[in-house]
Amino acid sequence: MKYGNEQQRTAIFNEIKDEIIAMSKSKYAKFVMIKMLMYGTKEQKKKIIEAFYGNVRSLLRHTIAAQVIEHAYNEVANATERALLAQEFYGPSYVLFKDQGAKTLSQLVKETPAVKEQVLDHIREALTPCLEKSSLAHSMVHHILFEYFEHASNEKKETLIETLQEQLIHILHTHDGSRVAMQCIWYGSAKVRKAIVKTFKTLVMKIAKEEHGHFVLLAAFDAVDDTKLMNKIILSELKENLTAIIQDPNGRKVVLHLLSPRDPRYFHPKYVDVLKQGDGNSNSKKDAAVRAKELLDYFSVGVVEYFSDGMKEHLVNGSVGIFLPAVIEKSTADVTPIYAAICDACNEAYVEGAENHVVENAASHFVMKKLVQMDKQRAEQGLPGLTDELMQRIPEKVLQSWTLCNRGAFLLVNMLECSQAPVVSKLKKSLSSMRSELADLGFKGASVLLEKLNAK
């Protein structure tokens, strides 16, 4: 099939076209069907998919044939064909008479509201035999579950949730499966939520790094009131694997949500809209702010310890450095160790051409600028800022060397603009001897800094 020409493939297809179902169930012949779906003509692929009509439910429960159906559904079928395959879960009439118009359950319910409850009952009945580990691995089952949860009443959801509570780990890696898992968390009782969270044990890092799975962790953060359990099962594993999680784009969302839930600076509105669907559920009793604070208290110490080690690498890694402002602003633990680590990373005189110096590197300069700009806010709270720490820990000669590069000069400008009067006075005094040198430098940062130093 792979290396043959179209004429040879057609000859093979003509030989097997009446045995599609039987071959799909065969341990070895299934590979011929999968290859035909990969390399056959458009018409041949269509004929194979049409051969499945009327047999979809039984084929999905067949260990071998389910692999062929899954490949056809995910890799070959167009939107209409996928809908026709899925419709066999809607009831006998949709098995016998294909409705080409209604592509999804939502469209069907919108066009014929009266059939909604009947179809949901059929879906529940058809899904029950599929709710075992082998069948739950298939994305078509995830899609049918998602449609069911979209339209079922809370009472109907709760019944199915009890069946699914220990199986969700097998479905949350797909879009539809993750949305089903989120609904199970939102609408499950405290007992059910506890059972769900326990199934995540040892798998938290894997889930946090998944494109769709990480949404389930965010839903748990938003809904599960038992924060001690969350710390024991989920947060402890996150803290143990922070390096791997923070290096991953999905993992970063998990950490940022713990630090600053749904913050528009870090989360797109559409992202937040998905999480808002679980707001107001009847099984979450704690105030959202209280729950978030308790989780943050558990998480903060581990995050501060993580960022206090290897600070230079964190600063120059743009995807990691962006966490520092969030940690400084939101952490409930003492962030002095982070400031101390930043000072240690900066405590090196700038030498012309040293692009990887913390004050000249683009990524670390951006982070440092953000942290300095937070000094005013921290001063209002009676807390020391980064400029205070830099002035105490960085030698005067090192500070003066920063004026020799554009970004270093601009960082000093930020320090002058965002600090309290005593700190500004001390910094100006430290830099006063650099006025003549700044006047001879040709970059913009030098002229702006000189202007600031000359201002009264």
Protein backbone atom coordinates (compact mmCIF):
# COMPACT_ATOMS: atom_id res chain seq x y z
CA MET A 1 0.00 0.00 0.00
CA LYS A 2 2.77 2.43 0.91
CA TYR A 3 4.98 1.90 -2.12
CA GLY A 4 2.45 0.66 -4.68
CA ASN A 5 0.98 2.81 -7.44
CA GLU A 6 -2.65 3.86 -7.69
CA GLN A 7 -3.55 0.96 -9.99
CA GLN A 8 -2.14 -1.58 -7.53
CA ARG A 9 -3.91 0.04 -4.59
CA THR A 10 -7.19 -0.02 -6.50
CA ALA A 11 -6.75 -3.73 -7.23
CA ILE A 12 -6.15 -4.41 -3.53
CA PHE A 13 -9.14 -2.30 -2.53
CA ASN A 14 -11.43 -4.18 -4.93
CA GLU A 15 -10.34 -7.42 -3.27
CA ILE A 16 -11.04 -6.26 0.28
CA LYS A 17 -13.98 -3.85 -0.09
CA ASP A 18 -16.52 -6.47 1.03
CA GLU A 19 -14.45 -7.52 4.05
CA ILE A 20 -13.80 -4.14 5.64
CA ILE A 21 -15.51 -4.91 8.96
CA ALA A 22 -13.97 -8.37 9.31
CA MET A 23 -10.49 -7.13 8.44
CA SER A 24 -10.79 -4.24 10.90
CA LYS A 25 -11.31 -6.81 13.65
CA SER A 26 -8.32 -8.92 12.62
CA LYS A 27 -5.09 -8.65 14.60
CA TYR A 28 -2.99 -8.29 11.44
CA ALA A 29 -5.45 -7.32 8.70
CA LYS A 30 -6.23 -4.12 10.62
CA PHE A 31 -2.88 -2.76 9.39
CA VAL A 32 -4.04 -3.15 5.78
CA MET A 33 -7.15 -1.11 6.61
CA ILE A 34 -5.11 1.62 8.31
CA LYS A 35 -2.70 1.78 5.36
CA MET A 36 -5.62 1.97 2.93
CA LEU A 37 -6.98 4.89 4.96
CA MET A 38 -3.55 6.53 4.73
CA TYR A 39 -2.73 5.94 1.05
CA GLY A 40 -6.03 5.17 -0.70
CA THR A 41 -7.89 7.56 -2.96
CA LYS A 42 -10.46 9.97 -1.58
CA GLU A 43 -13.28 7.75 -2.86
CA GLN A 44 -11.74 4.61 -1.33
CA LYS A 45 -11.40 6.28 2.05
CA LYS A 46 -15.00 7.39 1.85
CA LYS A 47 -16.14 3.83 1.08
CA ILE A 48 -14.25 2.47 4.08
CA ILE A 49 -15.81 5.03 6.42
CA GLU A 50 -19.27 4.33 4.99
CA ALA A 51 -18.72 0.63 5.69
CA PHE A 52 -18.46 1.47 9.38
CA TYR A 53 -21.93 3.06 9.45
CA GLY A 54 -24.27 0.92 11.52
CA ASN A 55 -21.36 -0.75 13.34
CA VAL A 56 -19.60 2.14 15.07
CA ARG A 57 -20.59 1.31 18.65
CA SER A 58 -19.66 -2.36 18.42
CA LEU A 59 -16.39 -1.58 16.62
CA LEU A 60 -15.38 0.94 19.29
CA ARG A 61 -15.82 -1.74 21.96
CA HIS A 62 -13.67 -4.15 19.95
CA THR A 63 -10.05 -3.83 21.09
CA ILE A 64 -8.58 -4.21 17.60
CA ALA A 65 -11.25 -2.59 15.41
CA ALA A 66 -11.33 0.46 17.70
CA GLN A 67 -7.84 1.36 16.47
CA VAL A 68 -9.06 1.48 12.87
CA ILE A 69 -12.12 3.53 13.81
CA GLU A 70 -9.94 5.92 15.82
CA HIS A 71 -7.59 6.47 12.87
CA ALA A 72 -10.50 7.01 10.49
CA TYR A 73 -12.22 9.44 12.87
CA ASN A 74 -9.12 11.48 13.75
CA GLU A 75 -6.97 11.40 10.64
CA VAL A 76 -9.24 10.83 7.63
CA ALA A 77 -12.90 11.75 8.17
CA ASN A 78 -14.11 15.25 7.37
CA ALA A 79 -16.47 17.15 9.69
CA THR A 80 -19.61 15.63 8.18
CA GLU A 81 -18.25 12.09 8.30
CA ARG A 82 -17.15 12.51 11.92
CA ALA A 83 -20.62 13.76 12.81
CA LEU A 84 -22.25 10.78 11.06
CA LEU A 85 -20.00 8.37 12.93
CA ALA A 86 -20.80 10.06 16.25
CA GLN A 87 -24.55 10.13 15.55
CA GLU A 88 -24.76 6.38 16.09
CA PHE A 89 -24.66 7.12 19.81
CA TYR A 90 -27.81 9.25 19.50
CA GLY A 91 -30.22 6.33 19.08
CA PRO A 92 -31.36 3.61 16.62
CA SER A 93 -32.92 6.04 14.15
CA TYR A 94 -29.54 7.78 13.69
CA VAL A 95 -27.91 4.43 13.01
CA LEU A 96 -30.37 3.52 10.29
CA PHE A 97 -31.07 6.95 8.81
CA LYS A 98 -28.13 9.29 8.57
CA ASP A 99 -29.04 12.94 9.15
CA GLN A 100 -26.67 14.86 6.90
CA GLY A 101 -27.89 18.21 8.21
CA ALA A 102 -27.29 17.96 11.97
CA LYS A 103 -23.51 17.86 12.31
CA THR A 104 -23.40 18.01 16.10
CA LEU A 105 -25.67 17.32 19.06
CA SER A 106 -25.92 21.07 19.67
CA GLN A 107 -27.29 21.63 16.17
CA LEU A 108 -29.68 18.71 16.52
CA VAL A 109 -31.05 19.99 19.84
CA LYS A 110 -31.38 23.50 18.41
CA GLU A 111 -33.33 22.25 15.38
CA THR A 112 -35.47 19.72 17.29
CA PRO A 113 -35.54 20.53 21.03
CA ALA A 114 -38.13 17.84 21.73
CA VAL A 115 -35.65 15.01 21.07
CA LYS A 116 -33.03 16.26 23.54
CA GLU A 117 -33.87 14.06 26.54
CA GLN A 118 -34.44 10.99 24.41
CA VAL A 119 -31.09 11.42 22.66
CA LEU A 120 -29.28 12.00 25.97
CA ASP A 121 -30.77 8.78 27.35
CA HIS A 122 -29.57 6.90 24.27
CA ILE A 123 -26.11 8.41 24.60
CA ARG A 124 -25.92 7.39 28.26
CA GLU A 125 -26.99 3.86 27.43
CA ALA A 126 -24.52 3.62 24.53
CA LEU A 127 -21.65 5.10 26.54
CA THR A 128 -21.98 2.80 29.55
CA PRO A 129 -20.22 -0.19 27.90
CA CYS A 130 -17.46 2.17 26.71
CA LEU A 131 -16.59 3.47 30.17
CA GLU A 132 -13.67 1.17 30.70
CA LYS A 133 -9.99 1.90 30.28
CA SER A 134 -9.53 0.40 26.79
CA SER A 135 -12.49 2.21 25.21
CA LEU A 136 -11.89 5.48 27.07
CA ALA A 137 -8.60 5.89 25.25
CA HIS A 138 -10.43 6.83 22.05
CA SER A 139 -11.14 10.44 21.16
CA MET A 140 -14.57 9.67 19.69
CA VAL A 141 -15.70 8.52 23.12
CA HIS A 142 -14.27 11.75 24.59
CA HIS A 143 -16.27 13.75 22.05
CA ILE A 144 -19.54 11.94 22.82
CA LEU A 145 -18.95 12.42 26.56
CA PHE A 146 -18.31 16.12 25.98
CA GLU A 147 -21.55 16.49 24.02
CA TYR A 148 -23.43 14.69 26.78
CA PHE A 149 -22.02 16.94 29.50
CA GLU A 150 -22.77 20.05 27.44
CA HIS A 151 -26.49 19.29 27.35
CA ALA A 152 -27.29 17.02 30.32
CA SER A 153 -28.88 18.32 33.51
CA ASN A 154 -26.79 18.47 36.67
CA GLU A 155 -28.56 15.38 38.01
CA LYS A 156 -27.67 13.36 34.92
CA LYS A 157 -24.11 14.63 35.03
CA GLU A 158 -23.69 13.58 38.66
CA THR A 159 -24.71 10.01 37.89
CA LEU A 160 -22.13 9.71 35.11
CA ILE A 161 -19.47 11.52 37.15
CA GLU A 162 -19.57 8.80 39.80
CA THR A 163 -18.80 6.25 37.09
CA LEU A 164 -16.02 8.35 35.59
CA GLN A 165 -14.33 9.64 38.74
CA GLU A 166 -11.41 7.19 38.68
CA GLN A 167 -11.13 7.05 34.88
CA LEU A 168 -10.59 10.71 34.05
CA ILE A 169 -6.83 10.29 33.98
CA HIS A 170 -7.28 8.37 30.71
CA ILE A 171 -9.16 11.13 28.86
CA LEU A 172 -7.79 14.51 29.93
CA HIS A 173 -5.07 14.60 27.24
CA THR A 174 -7.57 15.57 24.51
CA HIS A 175 -9.56 18.80 24.17
CA ASP A 176 -12.95 17.15 24.69
CA GLY A 177 -11.65 14.80 27.37
CA SER A 178 -10.16 17.66 29.39
CA ARG A 179 -13.44 19.57 29.25
CA VAL A 180 -15.28 16.50 30.53
CA ALA A 181 -12.77 16.15 33.38
CA MET A 182 -13.25 19.83 34.27
CA GLN A 183 -17.02 19.37 34.44
CA CYS A 184 -16.57 16.32 36.64
CA ILE A 185 -14.55 18.46 39.06
CA TRP A 186 -17.01 21.36 38.92
CA TYR A 187 -20.15 19.26 39.43
CA GLY A 188 -18.75 16.40 41.50
CA SER A 189 -19.32 16.19 45.25
CA ALA A 190 -16.47 16.68 47.75
CA LYS A 191 -16.09 12.89 47.92
CA VAL A 192 -15.90 12.60 44.13
CA ARG A 193 -13.40 15.46 43.90
CA LYS A 194 -11.19 13.75 46.46
CA ALA A 195 -11.27 10.53 44.43
CA ILE A 196 -10.42 12.44 41.22
CA VAL A 197 -7.50 14.32 42.77
CA LYS A 198 -6.06 11.08 44.20
CA THR A 199 -5.90 9.58 40.69
CA PHE A 200 -3.49 12.40 39.71
CA LYS A 201 -0.84 11.18 42.16
CA THR A 202 2.59 10.75 40.47
CA LEU A 203 1.13 12.12 37.21
CA VAL A 204 0.90 15.82 38.09
CA MET A 205 3.97 16.89 36.11
CA LYS A 206 2.74 15.05 33.01
CA ILE A 207 -0.71 16.63 33.29
CA ALA A 208 0.73 20.11 33.90
CA LYS A 209 2.73 19.92 30.66
CA GLU A 210 -0.16 18.73 28.47
CA GLU A 211 -1.83 21.15 26.08
CA HIS A 212 -5.31 20.25 27.33
CA GLY A 213 -4.61 18.41 30.57
CA HIS A 214 -3.26 21.45 32.39
CA PHE A 215 -6.73 23.04 32.22
CA VAL A 216 -7.94 20.27 34.54
CA LEU A 217 -5.43 21.28 37.20
CA LEU A 218 -6.58 24.90 36.94
CA ALA A 219 -10.19 23.76 37.34
CA ALA A 220 -9.18 21.85 40.46
CA PHE A 221 -7.42 24.92 41.88
CA ASP A 222 -10.61 26.92 41.31
CA ALA A 223 -13.09 24.41 42.72
CA VAL A 224 -11.65 21.94 45.25
CA ASP A 225 -12.12 23.25 48.78
CA ASP A 226 -9.84 20.67 50.41
CA THR A 227 -6.61 22.62 49.98
CA LYS A 228 -4.69 20.30 52.31
CA LEU A 229 -5.41 17.43 49.92
CA MET A 230 -4.44 19.63 46.97
CA ASN A 231 -1.14 20.44 48.65
CA LYS A 232 -0.44 16.83 49.51
CA ILE A 233 -1.20 15.39 46.05
CA ILE A 234 -0.70 18.20 43.52
CA LEU A 235 1.30 21.11 44.91
CA SER A 236 3.96 18.87 46.48
CA GLU A 237 4.63 17.25 43.11
CA LEU A 238 4.65 20.61 41.33
CA LYS A 239 7.26 21.93 43.77
CA GLU A 240 9.43 18.84 43.29
CA ASN A 241 9.43 19.32 39.50
CA LEU A 242 9.42 23.11 39.15
CA THR A 243 12.36 23.22 36.76
CA ALA A 244 10.69 20.96 34.18
CA ILE A 245 7.27 22.55 34.65
CA ILE A 246 8.44 26.17 34.35
CA GLN A 247 10.39 25.34 31.20
CA ASP A 248 7.15 24.13 29.58
CA PRO A 249 4.64 26.68 28.17
CA ASN A 250 1.63 24.81 29.59
CA GLY A 251 3.36 24.19 32.90
CA ARG A 252 4.04 27.91 33.21
CA LYS A 253 0.29 28.56 33.09
CA VAL A 254 -0.22 26.21 36.03
CA VAL A 255 2.36 28.04 38.15
CA LEU A 256 1.10 31.49 37.13
CA HIS A 257 -2.46 30.51 38.00
CA LEU A 258 -1.37 29.57 41.51
CA LEU A 259 0.50 32.87 41.88
CA SER A 260 -2.06 35.14 40.24
CA PRO A 261 -5.31 33.37 39.24
CA ARG A 262 -6.85 34.53 35.95
CA ASP A 263 -4.62 37.61 35.87
CA PRO A 264 -5.19 39.30 32.47
CA ARG A 265 -1.47 40.08 32.31
CA TYR A 266 -0.79 36.37 31.94
CA PHE A 267 -4.04 34.82 30.68
CA HIS A 268 -5.95 35.60 27.49
CA PRO A 269 -9.66 36.41 28.03
CA LYS A 270 -10.69 33.28 26.10
CA TYR A 271 -8.54 31.24 28.46
CA VAL A 272 -10.30 32.76 31.46
CA ASP A 273 -13.72 32.24 29.85
CA VAL A 274 -13.13 28.48 29.88
CA LEU A 275 -12.41 28.55 33.61
CA LYS A 276 -15.37 30.82 34.37
CA GLN A 277 -17.75 28.07 33.25
CA GLY A 278 -17.19 26.40 36.62
CA ASP A 279 -17.90 29.51 38.70
CA GLY A 280 -20.91 29.36 40.96
CA ASN A 281 -21.11 25.56 41.13
CA SER A 282 -23.03 24.34 44.17
CA ASN A 283 -20.28 22.08 45.50
CA SER A 284 -17.60 24.74 46.10
CA LYS A 285 -18.36 26.33 49.46
CA LYS A 286 -15.23 28.36 50.17
CA ASP A 287 -14.80 31.89 48.94
CA ALA A 288 -12.61 31.83 45.81
CA ALA A 289 -10.15 34.33 47.32
CA VAL A 290 -9.76 32.27 50.49
CA ARG A 291 -9.14 29.08 48.51
CA ALA A 292 -6.59 30.80 46.29
CA LYS A 293 -4.81 32.28 49.34
CA GLU A 294 -4.54 28.88 51.03
CA LEU A 295 -3.05 27.31 47.91
CA LEU A 296 -0.63 30.21 47.53
CA ASP A 297 0.50 29.85 51.16
CA TYR A 298 1.36 26.20 50.52
CA PHE A 299 3.10 27.00 47.23
CA SER A 300 4.99 30.22 47.98
CA VAL A 301 7.92 28.88 50.00
CA GLY A 302 8.80 26.31 47.34
CA VAL A 303 8.67 28.90 44.56
CA VAL A 304 10.84 31.40 46.46
CA GLU A 305 13.40 28.66 47.18
CA TYR A 306 13.42 27.65 43.52
CA PHE A 307 14.03 31.16 42.18
CA SER A 308 16.64 31.95 44.84
CA ASP A 309 18.94 29.33 43.34
CA GLY A 310 20.61 29.86 39.94
CA MET A 311 19.27 33.39 39.60
CA LYS A 312 21.46 34.47 36.67
CA GLU A 313 20.12 31.60 34.55
CA HIS A 314 16.57 32.52 35.54
CA LEU A 315 17.05 36.17 34.61
CA VAL A 316 18.53 35.60 31.16
CA ASN A 317 15.90 32.97 30.30
CA GLY A 318 13.02 35.17 29.17
CA SER A 319 10.34 32.50 29.59
CA VAL A 320 11.41 31.89 33.19
CA GLY A 321 12.29 35.45 34.19
CA ILE A 322 8.72 36.65 33.63
CA PHE A 323 7.74 34.73 36.77
CA LEU A 324 9.83 36.92 39.05
CA PRO A 325 7.49 39.96 39.07
CA ALA A 326 4.56 37.64 39.82
CA VAL A 327 6.48 35.89 42.60
CA ILE A 328 7.58 39.20 44.16
CA GLU A 329 4.11 40.71 43.92
CA LYS A 330 1.97 37.74 44.97
CA SER A 331 4.06 35.38 47.09
CA THR A 332 3.06 35.18 50.75
CA ALA A 333 6.56 33.99 51.70
CA ASP A 334 9.52 36.28 52.42
CA VAL A 335 11.02 37.26 49.05
CA THR A 336 14.24 38.70 50.52
CA PRO A 337 16.20 35.61 49.32
CA ILE A 338 15.14 36.41 45.75
CA TYR A 339 16.33 40.00 46.02
CA ALA A 340 19.60 38.77 47.52
CA ALA A 341 20.06 36.32 44.66
CA ILE A 342 19.39 39.05 42.09
CA CYS A 343 22.01 41.26 43.76
CA ASP A 344 24.51 38.40 43.65
CA ALA A 345 23.81 37.92 39.94
CA CYS A 346 24.30 41.66 39.31
CA ASN A 347 27.39 42.07 41.46
CA GLU A 348 29.78 42.16 38.55
CA ALA A 349 31.23 45.24 36.87
CA TYR A 350 30.08 45.73 33.29
CA VAL A 351 32.85 45.49 30.70
CA GLU A 352 32.26 46.88 27.22
CA GLY A 353 30.92 44.20 24.88
CA ALA A 354 29.68 41.90 27.68
CA GLU A 355 26.24 41.24 26.17
CA ASN A 356 25.45 38.48 28.69
CA HIS A 357 25.88 40.78 31.66
CA VAL A 358 22.61 40.85 33.62
CA VAL A 359 22.01 44.59 33.10
CA GLU A 360 22.76 44.46 29.34
CA ASN A 361 21.10 41.16 28.38
CA ALA A 362 17.69 41.94 26.80
CA ALA A 363 15.70 39.35 28.77
CA SER A 364 17.23 40.04 32.19
CA HIS A 365 17.07 43.82 31.64
CA PHE A 366 13.31 43.55 30.97
CA VAL A 367 12.77 41.56 34.18
CA MET A 368 14.94 43.90 36.25
CA LYS A 369 13.05 46.89 34.88
CA LYS A 370 9.71 45.34 35.88
CA LEU A 371 10.99 44.56 39.37
CA VAL A 372 12.34 48.08 39.89
CA GLN A 373 9.01 49.55 38.73
CA MET A 374 7.34 47.58 41.55
CA ASP A 375 9.41 49.45 44.18
CA LYS A 376 6.80 52.21 44.61
CA GLN A 377 4.06 49.68 45.28
CA ARG A 378 6.23 47.84 47.81
CA ALA A 379 7.19 51.09 49.52
CA GLU A 380 3.49 51.87 50.02
CA GLN A 381 3.18 48.48 51.73
CA GLY A 382 6.18 49.25 53.95
CA LEU A 383 8.35 46.66 52.20
CA PRO A 384 11.84 47.09 50.73
CA GLY A 385 12.17 47.12 46.95
CA LEU A 386 14.84 45.88 44.60
CA THR A 387 16.54 49.29 44.44
CA ASP A 388 16.91 49.32 48.24
CA GLU A 389 18.58 45.91 48.12
CA LEU A 390 20.83 46.87 45.18
CA MET A 391 22.01 50.01 46.93
CA GLN A 392 22.87 48.03 50.08
CA ARG A 393 24.57 45.10 48.37
CA ILE A 394 26.15 46.37 45.12
CA PRO A 395 29.50 48.24 45.39
CA GLU A 396 29.57 51.78 44.06
CA LYS A 397 32.14 50.91 41.37
CA VAL A 398 29.83 48.20 39.97
CA LEU A 399 26.87 50.60 39.84
CA GLN A 400 29.02 53.13 38.03
CA SER A 401 30.06 50.54 35.44
CA TRP A 402 26.41 50.06 34.48
CA THR A 403 26.43 53.57 32.98
CA LEU A 404 28.75 52.28 30.23
CA CYS A 405 25.98 50.32 28.45
CA ASN A 406 22.65 51.53 27.14
CA ARG A 407 20.38 49.11 29.03
CA GLY A 408 22.39 49.51 32.22
CA ALA A 409 21.95 53.28 32.02
CA PHE A 410 18.21 52.92 31.49
CA LEU A 411 17.99 50.57 34.49
CA LEU A 412 19.63 53.26 36.62
CA VAL A 413 17.07 55.73 35.24
CA ASN A 414 14.27 53.40 36.34
CA MET A 415 15.86 53.16 39.80
CA LEU A 416 15.91 56.96 40.08
CA GLU A 417 12.29 57.26 38.95
CA CYS A 418 10.78 54.55 41.12
CA SER A 419 12.64 54.88 44.42
CA GLN A 420 12.03 56.85 47.60
CA ALA A 421 13.82 60.18 48.05
CA PRO A 422 16.59 58.93 50.42
CA VAL A 423 17.47 56.10 48.01
CA VAL A 424 17.42 58.47 45.02
CA SER A 425 19.75 60.87 46.84
CA LYS A 426 22.17 58.06 47.67
CA LEU A 427 22.14 56.74 44.09
CA LYS A 428 22.74 60.20 42.61
CA LYS A 429 25.69 60.65 44.94
CA SER A 430 27.14 57.29 43.82
CA LEU A 431 26.83 58.25 40.16
CA SER A 432 27.82 61.93 40.38
CA SER A 433 31.43 61.26 39.36
CA MET A 434 30.20 59.72 36.07
CA ARG A 435 28.64 62.94 34.70
CA SER A 436 31.52 63.88 32.43
CA GLU A 437 31.84 60.35 31.11
CA LEU A 438 28.09 60.13 30.43
CA ALA A 439 28.28 63.34 28.42
CA ASP A 440 30.80 61.71 26.07
CA LEU A 441 28.79 58.52 25.51
CA GLY A 442 26.65 58.43 22.40
CA PHE A 443 23.77 56.13 23.34
CA LYS A 444 20.33 57.28 24.43
CA GLY A 445 20.46 55.76 27.90
CA ALA A 446 23.49 57.86 28.82
CA SER A 447 21.82 61.16 27.85
CA VAL A 448 18.60 60.30 29.73
CA LEU A 449 20.55 59.26 32.82
CA LEU A 450 22.66 62.44 32.70
CA GLU A 451 19.48 64.51 32.51
CA LYS A 452 18.13 62.72 35.58
CA LEU A 453 21.34 63.26 37.52
CA ASN A 454 21.37 66.99 36.69
CA ALA A 455 17.74 67.45 37.64
CA LYS A 456 17.15 69.02 41.07
